[in-house]
Structure formats: C-alpha cells, structure tokens
Amino acid sequence: MELENQKLSPKKNRLNNYGHYSSMAIQMMVIIAGGSLGGLQLDKWMENKFPYFTLSLSVVSVALAVYLAIKDVIRFNK
C-alpha cells in the first residue's frame, strides 16, 4: 500500500504544480486586464487626449502582477 502512494506522489505533485502555476497566470491576467481597462475608463471619463491613466495603470498593474508572481513562487518553492 505504501509503495503505491510513493508511485502516485510525483504525478500528484506535478498536477499540483500545474494547478498552482496556471492559477497564478490567471491571477496575473486579471490584474493586468483590470488595470488597463480601469485606465481606459478613467481616460474616457476625464476626456483626455493622451491616455495618461491607461499607460500609468497598465505599467503599475504589470509591476504588481510580476511582484505578486515572484512572491508566490518564492513562497511555493519553500
């Protein structure tokens, strides 16, 4: 019985890794899309000729998503 659990463990571990990293990718996409769409809406509402909010919120959301991903990878690999 114990040998069977040891044989299944690498597959289960690999599936856990796939699930963890795919959920992290979805989280990154949601953060970046939210920041970009929020910037678009602010620029539309403020009637800016140049998309200041879109650019700034896009850069901030990408930086935030990368920061959270790195933090999550470090925590997951411990």
C-alpha atoms as a PDB file:
ATOM      1  CA  MET A   1       0.000   0.000   0.000  1.00  0.00           C
ATOM      2  CA  GLU A   2       2.794   2.388   0.887  1.00  0.00           C
ATOM      3  CA  LEU A   3       4.617   1.670  -2.389  1.00  0.00           C
ATOM      4  CA  GLU A   4       1.538   2.645  -4.383  1.00  0.00           C
ATOM      5  CA  ASN A   5       1.376   6.034  -2.637  1.00  0.00           C
ATOM      6  CA  GLN A   6       5.039   6.655  -3.444  1.00  0.00           C
ATOM      7  CA  LYS A   7       4.441   5.857  -7.127  1.00  0.00           C
ATOM      8  CA  LEU A   8       1.469   8.233  -7.355  1.00  0.00           C
ATOM      9  CA  SER A   9       3.149  11.022  -5.444  1.00  0.00           C
ATOM     10  CA  PRO A  10       5.176  12.503  -8.365  1.00  0.00           C
ATOM     11  CA  LYS A  11       2.066  12.634 -10.580  1.00  0.00           C
ATOM     12  CA  LYS A  12       0.052  14.281  -7.866  1.00  0.00           C
ATOM     13  CA  ASN A  13       2.876  16.722  -7.173  1.00  0.00           C
ATOM     14  CA  ARG A  14       3.117  17.568 -10.874  1.00  0.00           C
ATOM     15  CA  LEU A  15      -0.635  18.174 -11.083  1.00  0.00           C
ATOM     16  CA  ASN A  16      -0.463  20.411  -8.023  1.00  0.00           C
ATOM     17  CA  ASN A  17       2.313  22.402  -9.714  1.00  0.00           C
ATOM     18  CA  TYR A  18       0.276  22.773 -12.916  1.00  0.00           C
ATOM     19  CA  GLY A  19      -2.734  23.942 -10.949  1.00  0.00           C
ATOM     20  CA  HIS A  20      -0.738  26.384  -8.880  1.00  0.00           C
ATOM     21  CA  TYR A  21       1.088  27.995 -11.798  1.00  0.00           C
ATOM     22  CA  SER A  22      -1.973  28.138 -14.039  1.00  0.00           C
ATOM     23  CA  SER A  23      -3.970  29.864 -11.305  1.00  0.00           C
ATOM     24  CA  MET A  24      -1.074  32.291 -10.870  1.00  0.00           C
ATOM     25  CA  ALA A  25      -1.170  33.051 -14.619  1.00  0.00           C
ATOM     26  CA  ILE A  26      -4.915  33.693 -14.463  1.00  0.00           C
ATOM     27  CA  GLN A  27      -4.401  35.978 -11.471  1.00  0.00           C
ATOM     28  CA  MET A  28      -1.776  37.937 -13.423  1.00  0.00           C
ATOM     29  CA  MET A  29      -4.093  38.285 -16.426  1.00  0.00           C
ATOM     30  CA  VAL A  30      -6.939  39.557 -14.248  1.00  0.00           C
ATOM     31  CA  ILE A  31      -4.712  42.136 -12.524  1.00  0.00           C
ATOM     32  CA  ILE A  32      -3.277  43.440 -15.803  1.00  0.00           C
ATOM     33  CA  ALA A  33      -6.652  43.493 -17.561  1.00  0.00           C
ATOM     34  CA  GLY A  34      -8.270  45.258 -14.607  1.00  0.00           C
ATOM     35  CA  GLY A  35      -5.599  47.940 -14.520  1.00  0.00           C
ATOM     36  CA  SER A  36      -5.701  48.502 -18.270  1.00  0.00           C
ATOM     37  CA  LEU A  37      -9.482  48.612 -18.513  1.00  0.00           C
ATOM     38  CA  GLY A  38      -9.673  50.860 -15.456  1.00  0.00           C
ATOM     39  CA  GLY A  39      -7.215  53.220 -17.113  1.00  0.00           C
ATOM     40  CA  LEU A  40      -9.246  53.220 -20.310  1.00  0.00           C
ATOM     41  CA  GLN A  41     -12.413  54.066 -18.418  1.00  0.00           C
ATOM     42  CA  LEU A  42     -10.704  56.870 -16.494  1.00  0.00           C
ATOM     43  CA  ASP A  43      -9.294  58.354 -19.705  1.00  0.00           C
ATOM     44  CA  LYS A  44     -12.705  58.151 -21.332  1.00  0.00           C
ATOM     45  CA  TRP A  45     -14.393  59.730 -18.296  1.00  0.00           C
ATOM     46  CA  MET A  46     -11.794  62.526 -17.994  1.00  0.00           C
ATOM     47  CA  GLU A  47     -11.833  63.016 -21.801  1.00  0.00           C
ATOM     48  CA  ASN A  48      -8.039  63.026 -22.058  1.00  0.00           C
ATOM     49  CA  LYS A  49      -6.464  63.435 -25.483  1.00  0.00           C
ATOM     50  CA  PHE A  50      -3.442  61.382 -24.388  1.00  0.00           C
ATOM     51  CA  PRO A  51      -4.097  58.131 -22.473  1.00  0.00           C
ATOM     52  CA  TYR A  52      -2.274  59.061 -19.243  1.00  0.00           C
ATOM     53  CA  PHE A  53      -4.312  56.811 -16.977  1.00  0.00           C
ATOM     54  CA  THR A  54      -4.207  53.862 -19.361  1.00  0.00           C
ATOM     55  CA  LEU A  55      -0.429  53.969 -19.606  1.00  0.00           C
ATOM     56  CA  SER A  56       0.207  54.557 -15.929  1.00  0.00           C
ATOM     57  CA  LEU A  57      -2.282  51.971 -14.645  1.00  0.00           C
ATOM     58  CA  SER A  58      -1.070  49.422 -17.189  1.00  0.00           C
ATOM     59  CA  VAL A  59       2.523  49.794 -16.012  1.00  0.00           C
ATOM     60  CA  VAL A  60       1.501  49.697 -12.349  1.00  0.00           C
ATOM     61  CA  SER A  61      -0.675  46.624 -12.858  1.00  0.00           C
ATOM     62  CA  VAL A  62       2.096  44.755 -14.719  1.00  0.00           C
ATOM     63  CA  ALA A  63       4.559  45.613 -11.947  1.00  0.00           C
ATOM     64  CA  LEU A  64       2.057  44.485  -9.307  1.00  0.00           C
ATOM     65  CA  ALA A  65       1.331  41.235 -11.145  1.00  0.00           C
ATOM     66  CA  VAL A  66       5.038  40.435 -11.517  1.00  0.00           C
ATOM     67  CA  TYR A  67       5.692  41.282  -7.850  1.00  0.00           C
ATOM     68  CA  LEU A  68       2.871  39.010  -6.678  1.00  0.00           C
ATOM     69  CA  ALA A  69       4.006  36.213  -9.008  1.00  0.00           C
ATOM     70  CA  ILE A  70       7.583  36.346  -7.730  1.00  0.00           C
ATOM     71  CA  LYS A  71       6.380  36.460  -4.135  1.00  0.00           C
ATOM     72  CA  ASP A  72       4.097  33.477  -4.791  1.00  0.00           C
ATOM     73  CA  VAL A  73       6.839  31.432  -6.499  1.00  0.00           C
ATOM     74  CA  ILE A  74       9.232  32.038  -3.605  1.00  0.00           C
ATOM     75  CA  ARG A  75       6.578  31.013  -1.075  1.00  0.00           C
ATOM     76  CA  PHE A  76       5.518  27.946  -3.087  1.00  0.00           C
ATOM     77  CA  ASN A  77       9.075  26.623  -3.524  1.00  0.00           C
ATOM     78  CA  LYS A  78       9.890  26.660   0.187  1.00  0.00           C
END
